C-alpha atoms as a PDB file:
ATOM      1  CA  UNK A   1     -14.291 183.355   6.932  1.00  0.00           C
ATOM      2  CA  UNK A   2     -14.860 179.866   8.292  1.00  0.00           C
ATOM      3  CA  UNK A   3     -16.679 178.586  11.388  1.00  0.00           C
ATOM      4  CA  UNK A   4     -15.509 175.239  12.811  1.00  0.00           C
ATOM      5  CA  UNK A   5     -18.599 174.136  14.721  1.00  0.00           C
ATOM      6  CA  UNK A   6     -17.005 171.218  16.608  1.00  0.00           C
ATOM      7  CA  UNK A   7     -13.491 171.202  18.048  1.00  0.00           C
ATOM      8  CA  UNK A   8     -11.908 169.522  21.030  1.00  0.00           C
ATOM      9  CA  UNK A   9      -9.096 171.962  21.756  1.00  0.00           C
ATOM     10  CA  UNK A  10      -9.810 170.859  25.333  1.00  0.00           C
ATOM     11  CA  UNK A  11      -8.214 167.461  24.506  1.00  0.00           C
ATOM     12  CA  UNK A  12      -4.796 166.561  25.900  1.00  0.00           C
ATOM     13  CA  UNK A  13      -3.483 166.195  22.320  1.00  0.00           C
ATOM     14  CA  UNK A  14      -3.262 170.014  22.236  1.00  0.00           C
ATOM     15  CA  UNK A  15      -1.574 170.510  25.611  1.00  0.00           C
ATOM     16  CA  UNK A  16       1.854 171.251  24.125  1.00  0.00           C
ATOM     17  CA  UNK A  17       1.072 173.594  21.218  1.00  0.00           C
ATOM     18  CA  UNK A  18      -2.425 175.029  21.672  1.00  0.00           C
ATOM     19  CA  UNK A  19      -1.440 178.617  20.827  1.00  0.00           C
ATOM     20  CA  UNK A  20       0.300 177.545  17.600  1.00  0.00           C
ATOM     21  CA  UNK A  21      -2.753 175.466  16.607  1.00  0.00           C
ATOM     22  CA  UNK A  22      -5.016 178.480  17.147  1.00  0.00           C
ATOM     23  CA  UNK A  23      -2.688 180.745  15.130  1.00  0.00           C
ATOM     24  CA  UNK A  24      -2.620 178.273  12.222  1.00  0.00           C
ATOM     25  CA  UNK A  25      -6.434 178.210  12.250  1.00  0.00           C
ATOM     26  CA  UNK A  26      -6.623 182.007  12.128  1.00  0.00           C
ATOM     27  CA  UNK A  27      -4.093 182.085   9.271  1.00  0.00           C
ATOM     28  CA  UNK A  28      -6.453 179.817   7.268  1.00  0.00           C
ATOM     29  CA  UNK A  29      -9.406 182.141   7.849  1.00  0.00           C
ATOM     30  CA  UNK A  30     -11.146 180.341  10.731  1.00  0.00           C
ATOM     31  CA  UNK A  31     -12.797 183.213  12.571  1.00  0.00           C
ATOM     32  CA  UNK A  32     -14.982 181.280  15.015  1.00  0.00           C
ATOM     33  CA  UNK A  33     -15.102 177.846  16.632  1.00  0.00           C
ATOM     34  CA  UNK A  34     -17.066 175.969  19.267  1.00  0.00           C
ATOM     35  CA  UNK A  35     -15.121 173.903  21.804  1.00  0.00           C
ATOM     36  CA  UNK A  36     -17.305 170.978  22.836  1.00  0.00           C
ATOM     37  CA  UNK A  37     -17.219 169.661  26.400  1.00  0.00           C
ATOM     38  CA  UNK A  38     -18.643 166.235  27.236  1.00  0.00           C
ATOM     39  CA  UNK A  39     -17.619 165.439  30.834  1.00  0.00           C
ATOM     40  CA  UNK A  40     -16.354 167.357  33.889  1.00  0.00           C
ATOM     41  CA  UNK A  41     -12.722 167.898  32.787  1.00  0.00           C
ATOM     42  CA  UNK A  42     -13.472 168.762  29.138  1.00  0.00           C
ATOM     43  CA  UNK A  43     -16.355 171.094  30.054  1.00  0.00           C
ATOM     44  CA  UNK A  44     -14.166 172.953  32.566  1.00  0.00           C
ATOM     45  CA  UNK A  45     -11.484 173.408  29.898  1.00  0.00           C
ATOM     46  CA  UNK A  46     -14.052 174.477  27.264  1.00  0.00           C
ATOM     47  CA  UNK A  47     -15.291 177.253  29.567  1.00  0.00           C
ATOM     48  CA  UNK A  48     -11.711 178.317  30.272  1.00  0.00           C
ATOM     49  CA  UNK A  49     -10.956 178.536  26.525  1.00  0.00           C
ATOM     50  CA  UNK A  50     -14.077 180.527  25.648  1.00  0.00           C
ATOM     51  CA  UNK A  51     -13.246 182.994  28.420  1.00  0.00           C
ATOM     52  CA  UNK A  52      -9.674 183.355  27.137  1.00  0.00           C
ATOM     53  CA  UNK A  53     -10.301 183.776  23.402  1.00  0.00           C
ATOM     54  CA  UNK A  54     -12.903 186.159  21.982  1.00  0.00           C
ATOM     55  CA  UNK A  55     -13.622 183.993  18.896  1.00  0.00           C
ATOM     56  CA  UNK A  56     -14.046 180.715  20.834  1.00  0.00           C
ATOM     57  CA  UNK A  57     -17.453 179.607  22.140  1.00  0.00           C
ATOM     58  CA  UNK A  58     -18.378 176.555  24.211  1.00  0.00           C
ATOM     59  CA  UNK A  59     -20.909 173.752  24.243  1.00  0.00           C
ATOM     60  CA  UNK A  60     -21.551 171.736  27.405  1.00  0.00           C
ATOM     61  CA  UNK A  61     -23.041 168.249  27.579  1.00  0.00           C
ATOM     62  CA  UNK A  62     -22.558 164.665  28.635  1.00  0.00           C
ATOM     63  CA  UNK A  63     -21.200 162.040  26.241  1.00  0.00           C
ATOM     64  CA  UNK A  64     -23.281 158.848  25.846  1.00  0.00           C
ATOM     65  CA  UNK A  65     -20.272 156.586  26.404  1.00  0.00           C
ATOM     66  CA  UNK A  66     -19.990 158.087  29.913  1.00  0.00           C
ATOM     67  CA  UNK A  67     -23.739 158.256  30.575  1.00  0.00           C
ATOM     68  CA  UNK A  68     -23.401 155.749  33.411  1.00  0.00           C
ATOM     69  CA  UNK A  69     -21.173 158.236  35.278  1.00  0.00           C
ATOM     70  CA  UNK A  70     -23.559 161.195  35.117  1.00  0.00           C
ATOM     71  CA  UNK A  71     -25.067 162.181  38.472  1.00  0.00           C
ATOM     72  CA  UNK A  72     -28.048 164.506  39.145  1.00  0.00           C
ATOM     73  CA  UNK A  73     -25.617 167.224  40.255  1.00  0.00           C
ATOM     74  CA  UNK A  74     -23.877 167.010  36.859  1.00  0.00           C
ATOM     75  CA  UNK A  75     -27.139 167.822  35.082  1.00  0.00           C
ATOM     76  CA  UNK A  76     -27.668 170.706  37.500  1.00  0.00           C
ATOM     77  CA  UNK A  77     -24.133 171.937  36.714  1.00  0.00           C
ATOM     78  CA  UNK A  78     -24.950 171.893  32.979  1.00  0.00           C
ATOM     79  CA  UNK A  79     -28.045 173.956  33.732  1.00  0.00           C
ATOM     80  CA  UNK A  80     -25.950 176.544  35.609  1.00  0.00           C
ATOM     81  CA  UNK A  81     -23.331 176.691  32.841  1.00  0.00           C
ATOM     82  CA  UNK A  82     -25.997 177.175  30.174  1.00  0.00           C
ATOM     83  CA  UNK A  83     -26.438 180.741  31.480  1.00  0.00           C
ATOM     84  CA  UNK A  84     -22.817 181.578  30.585  1.00  0.00           C
ATOM     85  CA  UNK A  85     -22.857 184.213  27.814  1.00  0.00           C
ATOM     86  CA  UNK A  86     -20.493 182.171  25.628  1.00  0.00           C
ATOM     87  CA  UNK A  87     -22.169 178.769  26.043  1.00  0.00           C
ATOM     88  CA  UNK A  88     -24.051 178.407  22.753  1.00  0.00           C
ATOM     89  CA  UNK A  89     -25.300 174.789  22.814  1.00  0.00           C
ATOM     90  CA  UNK A  90     -25.949 171.719  24.951  1.00  0.00           C
ATOM     91  CA  UNK A  91     -23.925 168.687  23.894  1.00  0.00           C
ATOM     92  CA  UNK A  92     -22.409 166.672  22.679  1.00  0.00           C
ATOM     93  CA  UNK A  93     -25.086 164.179  23.653  1.00  0.00           C
ATOM     94  CA  UNK A  94     -26.758 161.206  22.018  1.00  0.00           C
ATOM     95  CA  UNK A  95     -26.251 157.461  21.754  1.00  0.00           C
ATOM     96  CA  UNK A  96     -23.157 155.360  21.128  1.00  0.00           C
ATOM     97  CA  UNK A  97     -23.742 151.639  20.624  1.00  0.00           C
ATOM     98  CA  UNK A  98     -20.154 150.940  19.529  1.00  0.00           C
ATOM     99  CA  UNK A  99     -18.698 150.940  23.041  1.00  0.00           C
ATOM    100  CA  UNK A 100     -20.427 149.019  25.833  1.00  0.00           C
ATOM    101  CA  UNK A 101     -19.428 151.064  28.888  1.00  0.00           C
ATOM    102  CA  UNK A 102     -22.914 152.534  29.419  1.00  0.00           C
ATOM    103  CA  UNK A 103     -26.040 150.358  28.993  1.00  0.00           C
ATOM    104  CA  UNK A 104     -28.387 151.514  26.230  1.00  0.00           C
ATOM    105  CA  UNK A 105     -31.263 152.317  28.610  1.00  0.00           C
ATOM    106  CA  UNK A 106     -29.035 154.591  30.713  1.00  0.00           C
ATOM    107  CA  UNK A 107     -27.725 156.307  27.574  1.00  0.00           C
ATOM    108  CA  UNK A 108     -31.301 156.937  26.425  1.00  0.00           C
ATOM    109  CA  UNK A 109     -32.319 158.383  29.788  1.00  0.00           C
ATOM    110  CA  UNK A 110     -29.324 160.748  29.945  1.00  0.00           C
ATOM    111  CA  UNK A 111     -29.969 161.776  26.325  1.00  0.00           C
ATOM    112  CA  UNK A 112     -33.621 162.592  27.101  1.00  0.00           C
ATOM    113  CA  UNK A 113     -32.686 164.554  30.227  1.00  0.00           C
ATOM    114  CA  UNK A 114     -30.319 166.734  28.198  1.00  0.00           C
ATOM    115  CA  UNK A 115     -32.892 167.383  25.471  1.00  0.00           C
ATOM    116  CA  UNK A 116     -35.347 168.541  28.140  1.00  0.00           C
ATOM    117  CA  UNK A 117     -32.656 170.740  29.681  1.00  0.00           C
ATOM    118  CA  UNK A 118     -31.911 172.316  26.276  1.00  0.00           C
ATOM    119  CA  UNK A 119     -35.598 173.078  25.804  1.00  0.00           C
ATOM    120  CA  UNK A 120     -35.709 174.668  29.277  1.00  0.00           C
ATOM    121  CA  UNK A 121     -32.700 176.896  28.634  1.00  0.00           C
ATOM    122  CA  UNK A 122     -33.541 177.437  24.933  1.00  0.00           C
ATOM    123  CA  UNK A 123     -30.242 176.297  23.447  1.00  0.00           C
ATOM    124  CA  UNK A 124     -29.661 174.065  20.391  1.00  0.00           C
ATOM    125  CA  UNK A 125     -28.236 170.570  20.853  1.00  0.00           C
ATOM    126  CA  UNK A 126     -25.238 168.770  19.358  1.00  0.00           C
ATOM    127  CA  UNK A 127     -25.874 165.114  18.545  1.00  0.00           C
ATOM    128  CA  UNK A 128     -23.314 162.315  18.761  1.00  0.00           C
ATOM    129  CA  UNK A 129     -24.533 159.204  16.933  1.00  0.00           C
ATOM    130  CA  UNK A 130     -22.610 155.970  16.616  1.00  0.00           C
ATOM    131  CA  UNK A 131     -24.446 152.925  15.336  1.00  0.00           C
ATOM    132  CA  UNK A 132     -27.727 154.163  16.870  1.00  0.00           C
ATOM    133  CA  UNK A 133     -29.511 156.104  14.126  1.00  0.00           C
ATOM    134  CA  UNK A 134     -33.030 154.665  14.502  1.00  0.00           C
ATOM    135  CA  UNK A 135     -33.102 155.225  18.282  1.00  0.00           C
ATOM    136  CA  UNK A 136     -31.638 158.741  17.961  1.00  0.00           C
ATOM    137  CA  UNK A 137     -34.255 159.812  15.418  1.00  0.00           C
ATOM    138  CA  UNK A 138     -37.060 158.322  17.509  1.00  0.00           C
ATOM    139  CA  UNK A 139     -35.918 160.079  20.703  1.00  0.00           C
ATOM    140  CA  UNK A 140     -35.464 163.424  18.926  1.00  0.00           C
ATOM    141  CA  UNK A 141     -39.001 163.098  17.628  1.00  0.00           C
ATOM    142  CA  UNK A 142     -40.695 161.901  20.833  1.00  0.00           C
ATOM    143  CA  UNK A 143     -38.859 164.427  23.036  1.00  0.00           C
ATOM    144  CA  UNK A 144     -39.795 167.363  20.770  1.00  0.00           C
ATOM    145  CA  UNK A 145     -36.194 168.279  19.984  1.00  0.00           C
ATOM    146  CA  UNK A 146     -37.364 170.286  16.972  1.00  0.00           C
ATOM    147  CA  UNK A 147     -38.268 173.029  19.463  1.00  0.00           C
ATOM    148  CA  UNK A 148     -34.555 173.890  19.809  1.00  0.00           C
ATOM    149  CA  UNK A 149     -33.022 172.105  16.810  1.00  0.00           C
ATOM    150  CA  UNK A 150     -29.306 171.639  16.568  1.00  0.00           C
ATOM    151  CA  UNK A 151     -26.561 169.739  14.782  1.00  0.00           C
ATOM    152  CA  UNK A 152     -26.139 166.185  13.567  1.00  0.00           C
ATOM    153  CA  UNK A 153     -22.421 166.237  14.318  1.00  0.00           C
ATOM    154  CA  UNK A 154     -19.961 164.569  11.927  1.00  0.00           C
ATOM    155  CA  UNK A 155     -22.880 163.126  10.003  1.00  0.00           C
ATOM    156  CA  UNK A 156     -22.238 159.739   8.386  1.00  0.00           C
ATOM    157  CA  UNK A 157     -25.764 158.511   7.606  1.00  0.00           C
ATOM    158  CA  UNK A 158     -27.933 158.454   4.513  1.00  0.00           C
ATOM    159  CA  UNK A 159     -29.432 161.340   2.566  1.00  0.00           C
ATOM    160  CA  UNK A 160     -32.917 160.108   3.565  1.00  0.00           C
ATOM    161  CA  UNK A 161     -32.181 160.250   7.309  1.00  0.00           C
ATOM    162  CA  UNK A 162     -30.457 163.631   6.864  1.00  0.00           C
ATOM    163  CA  UNK A 163     -33.668 164.988   5.339  1.00  0.00           C
ATOM    164  CA  UNK A 164     -35.684 163.610   8.286  1.00  0.00           C
ATOM    165  CA  UNK A 165     -33.336 165.428  10.660  1.00  0.00           C
ATOM    166  CA  UNK A 166     -33.640 168.665   8.679  1.00  0.00           C
ATOM    167  CA  UNK A 167     -37.423 168.354   8.999  1.00  0.00           C
ATOM    168  CA  UNK A 168     -36.844 168.298  12.777  1.00  0.00           C
ATOM    169  CA  UNK A 169     -34.960 171.619  12.620  1.00  0.00           C
ATOM    170  CA  UNK A 170     -31.424 170.147  12.515  1.00  0.00           C
ATOM    171  CA  UNK A 171     -28.384 171.116  10.506  1.00  0.00           C
ATOM    172  CA  UNK A 172     -26.150 168.463   8.937  1.00  0.00           C
ATOM    173  CA  UNK A 173     -22.484 168.917   9.822  1.00  0.00           C
ATOM    174  CA  UNK A 174     -19.757 167.365   7.690  1.00  0.00           C
ATOM    175  CA  UNK A 175     -16.163 166.797   8.733  1.00  0.00           C
ATOM    176  CA  UNK A 176     -12.988 165.128   7.500  1.00  0.00           C
ATOM    177  CA  UNK A 177     -14.648 161.923   6.195  1.00  0.00           C
ATOM    178  CA  UNK A 178     -16.269 163.863   3.308  1.00  0.00           C
ATOM    179  CA  UNK A 179     -12.733 164.146   1.870  1.00  0.00           C
ATOM    180  CA  UNK A 180     -11.992 160.398   2.062  1.00  0.00           C
ATOM    181  CA  UNK A 181     -11.935 158.679  -1.334  1.00  0.00           C
ATOM    182  CA  UNK A 182     -14.106 155.770  -0.122  1.00  0.00           C
ATOM    183  CA  UNK A 183     -16.637 157.868   1.839  1.00  0.00           C
ATOM    184  CA  UNK A 184     -19.673 157.389  -0.391  1.00  0.00           C
ATOM    185  CA  UNK A 185     -22.404 158.523   2.044  1.00  0.00           C
ATOM    186  CA  UNK A 186     -20.900 161.838   3.211  1.00  0.00           C
ATOM    187  CA  UNK A 187     -20.227 162.789  -0.414  1.00  0.00           C
ATOM    188  CA  UNK A 188     -23.840 161.980  -1.372  1.00  0.00           C
ATOM    189  CA  UNK A 189     -25.056 164.064   1.576  1.00  0.00           C
ATOM    190  CA  UNK A 190     -22.811 166.993   0.610  1.00  0.00           C
ATOM    191  CA  UNK A 191     -24.269 166.942  -2.901  1.00  0.00           C
ATOM    192  CA  UNK A 192     -27.927 166.446  -1.905  1.00  0.00           C
ATOM    193  CA  UNK A 193     -28.422 168.624   1.171  1.00  0.00           C
ATOM    194  CA  UNK A 194     -29.172 172.319   0.538  1.00  0.00           C
ATOM    195  CA  UNK A 195     -26.345 174.653   1.468  1.00  0.00           C
ATOM    196  CA  UNK A 196     -28.579 176.491   3.952  1.00  0.00           C
ATOM    197  CA  UNK A 197     -28.725 173.337   6.130  1.00  0.00           C
ATOM    198  CA  UNK A 198     -25.016 172.439   6.050  1.00  0.00           C
ATOM    199  CA  UNK A 199     -22.302 173.124   8.619  1.00  0.00           C
ATOM    200  CA  UNK A 200     -18.609 172.223   8.654  1.00  0.00           C
ATOM    201  CA  UNK A 201     -16.412 170.925  11.444  1.00  0.00           C
ATOM    202  CA  UNK A 202     -13.166 169.121  12.191  1.00  0.00           C
ATOM    203  CA  UNK A 203     -13.980 167.189  15.414  1.00  0.00           C
ATOM    204  CA  UNK A 204     -10.262 167.719  16.011  1.00  0.00           C
ATOM    205  CA  UNK A 205      -8.051 166.023  17.138  1.00  0.00           C
ATOM    206  CA  UNK A 206     -10.010 163.185  15.491  1.00  0.00           C
ATOM    207  CA  UNK A 207     -10.993 162.404  11.873  1.00  0.00           C
ATOM    208  CA  UNK A 208      -8.393 164.485  10.043  1.00  0.00           C
ATOM    209  CA  UNK A 209      -9.281 165.090   6.374  1.00  0.00           C
ATOM    210  CA  UNK A 210      -7.245 163.881   3.410  1.00  0.00           C
ATOM    211  CA  UNK A 211      -4.222 164.288   3.035  1.00  0.00           C
ATOM    212  CA  UNK A 212      -3.775 164.274   6.840  1.00  0.00           C
ATOM    213  CA  UNK A 213      -5.898 161.171   7.463  1.00  0.00           C
ATOM    214  CA  UNK A 214      -4.617 159.209  10.451  1.00  0.00           C
ATOM    215  CA  UNK A 215      -2.752 162.217  11.877  1.00  0.00           C
ATOM    216  CA  UNK A 216      -3.872 164.688  14.541  1.00  0.00           C
ATOM    217  CA  UNK A 217      -6.642 166.892  13.189  1.00  0.00           C
ATOM    218  CA  UNK A 218      -6.771 170.644  13.908  1.00  0.00           C
ATOM    219  CA  UNK A 219      -9.143 173.536  13.133  1.00  0.00           C
ATOM    220  CA  UNK A 220      -7.031 174.856  10.224  1.00  0.00           C
ATOM    221  CA  UNK A 221      -8.003 171.724   8.265  1.00  0.00           C
ATOM    222  CA  UNK A 222     -11.704 172.651   8.212  1.00  0.00           C
ATOM    223  CA  UNK A 223     -10.816 174.591   5.060  1.00  0.00           C
ATOM    224  CA  UNK A 224     -10.264 171.231   3.292  1.00  0.00           C
ATOM    225  CA  UNK A 225     -13.806 170.174   4.255  1.00  0.00           C
ATOM    226  CA  UNK A 226     -15.256 173.384   2.810  1.00  0.00           C
ATOM    227  CA  UNK A 227     -13.223 172.967  -0.389  1.00  0.00           C
ATOM    228  CA  UNK A 228     -14.448 169.390  -0.843  1.00  0.00           C
ATOM    229  CA  UNK A 229     -18.104 170.399  -0.371  1.00  0.00           C
ATOM    230  CA  UNK A 230     -17.653 173.199  -2.921  1.00  0.00           C
ATOM    231  CA  UNK A 231     -16.189 170.729  -5.415  1.00  0.00           C
ATOM    232  CA  UNK A 232     -18.995 168.201  -4.872  1.00  0.00           C
ATOM    233  CA  UNK A 233     -21.678 170.874  -5.233  1.00  0.00           C
ATOM    234  CA  UNK A 234     -20.005 172.537  -8.210  1.00  0.00           C
ATOM    235  CA  UNK A 235     -19.987 175.941  -6.508  1.00  0.00           C
ATOM    236  CA  UNK A 236     -17.255 178.270  -5.248  1.00  0.00           C
ATOM    237  CA  UNK A 237     -15.353 177.751  -2.020  1.00  0.00           C
ATOM    238  CA  UNK A 238     -16.367 181.299  -1.034  1.00  0.00           C
ATOM    239  CA  UNK A 239     -20.065 180.380  -1.293  1.00  0.00           C
ATOM    240  CA  UNK A 240     -19.599 177.387   1.009  1.00  0.00           C
ATOM    241  CA  UNK A 241     -17.527 179.392   3.496  1.00  0.00           C
ATOM    242  CA  UNK A 242     -20.059 182.247   3.631  1.00  0.00           C
ATOM    243  CA  UNK A 243     -23.154 180.014   3.889  1.00  0.00           C
ATOM    244  CA  UNK A 244     -21.807 177.605   6.518  1.00  0.00           C
ATOM    245  CA  UNK A 245     -20.545 180.513   8.636  1.00  0.00           C
ATOM    246  CA  UNK A 246     -23.911 182.298   8.441  1.00  0.00           C
ATOM    247  CA  UNK A 247     -25.725 179.025   9.259  1.00  0.00           C
ATOM    248  CA  UNK A 248     -23.590 178.492  12.365  1.00  0.00           C
ATOM    249  CA  UNK A 249     -24.008 182.071  13.580  1.00  0.00           C
ATOM    250  CA  UNK A 250     -27.763 181.840  13.114  1.00  0.00           C
ATOM    251  CA  UNK A 251     -28.025 178.503  14.948  1.00  0.00           C
ATOM    252  CA  UNK A 252     -25.824 179.579  17.864  1.00  0.00           C
ATOM    253  CA  UNK A 253     -27.299 183.081  18.101  1.00  0.00           C
ATOM    254  CA  UNK A 254     -23.940 184.768  17.477  1.00  0.00           C
ATOM    255  CA  UNK A 255     -23.985 188.242  15.909  1.00  0.00           C
END
């Protein structure tokens, strides 16, 4: 049993073979996944998918790269969608200082608005962080994000920052990069962070694990992430699968 906590089956890369991708995931033991929406089209598709497949859940949020496009009615729409029985989180949200489409101050404001929304509707949050760690941690702290907690998605930072995030009621989610030979930090995090605070994900179609690096990622490959964590921790694959699945179900309130 595996739980892929972050997929983008709502991406156009899956338009031609979505059913086959889902079947391959099930064949590898993936029993649950969360499709993450981050703008109008991807959120709409995420809701559609969670209504079609029993084992698919949805998260709804606004991506920091597109923060400049978010209107008040979009935030209101997220609030309405949060009442959907299969919407289990708000996000992905956060800060992205790699791309310069949305000014930093606007990104911060949209991030704060979504944290407040999550606290209102009592749902955990999914954090996107690119080259913005210090500001992310500060905003999570000042906005009281520990009240709902959530996920540091596709975590690539240090063990020290991971522990700070855990202290704020966050789980650390590892994806394909933990399998890369040169990925020192994710491997250190996998070794150091207690199993009860770890989650696994693919972020498909992006960041495919070794030996598929550079190709389209898909949920079936989350098994490779779990296997790598087991190897790094010196424990069984079954232990990692069971713990990360239980962690995800607990966080998302899924029985």
